[in-house]
Amino acid sequence: MNLAQTNQIANRDRLFLLILTIPIAVLSLGALLIPEPFAHLIGALGTASYVYRLVGAAALGYAGAIAWALRSNRWSRIRLLAASLLGFSVAGVLGAILQLLIGDTKGIVYLILVLGLIVTAFTAYLLNKHRGWVQPMPNIHNWLVIFFVVATLVAVPFAIMPLFFPTAFAQLFSFQANDLLLYRLGGAELTGYVALGILEVQSRDMAEIHPAAIMVFFFNAMAVVASLLALFTGERSSLIYVVIVVSGAIAVLTVLELSRRTGGDLFGDREFAPQPS
């Protein structure tokens, strides 16, 4: 049988996808841990440190989940993550182009454009290569489907508004709207999470949703870390407390559900046991 029609991904594809996540991880760690020096390094002003931290947290969700999933050669572990990364990269390319159109020609804009095009091409290639794979039947509870729908709908405005209207978005949360690329990147990241939510609803297969849940956990756990770092360094914003409560709750609920489904081995290699509604 053709490898693309089985639940397997070629080792060379796994390796290349892992290599592509390295610059994402490096950039995200810089934004999360040292926002102001990182901003100055890439030629930005760095006037919205907390937003830098959140953008870094969202990107780490991709890097962490993909690195975890690639330990396996099962396509079911990769498919939703590859699709969400495609959504992120396409939106990132669009954000870079929008920046170039307003005269922002910093090196980081071109870097994001080139990296986005490479990631877009490779993830599209992977998804097309495995288009013949037959998905399992849905096997999740209805309440999880409702949760995915609600969470995805909530994320939509946070993807669209900063991507296309970064100045208005910054002003809405009382942030300085100087580093517009930063807000566009945040919107691009959330676009990938929206794509992830849509595919979770479409899939309804716990073998595929397991790595997606790991990705959501990484994002929300790092968002809490970003908020605590912001408070520790003296930053103040009502959004910080909202993120701590909401992301903290999502991270805890994700861990509890993953633990229940995997018998406590939430970061292990065990597949979910089907539990139809």
Foldseek 3Di string as FASTA:
>chain_A
DDPLQAQFADPVLLVVVLVLLVVLLVQLCCLQPPNCVSQVVQPFRSQFSLLSNLLSLLSVLLNVLSVLLSVGRGNLSCLLSLQLLLQLLVLQLLLLVVCVVVPPPGPVSVVSNVSSVVSNVSSVVSCVSNVNYDADDAFDEPVVLVVLVVVLVVLQCQQPCLQVPVCVVCVVQVTDSGPSSSSNSSSSSSSSVSSSSVVCNVRNHQQNCLSVLSSLLSSLVSLLVSLVVCVVVPHDGPVSVVSNVVSVVSNVVSQVVLCVQQVHPSSDDDTGDGHHD
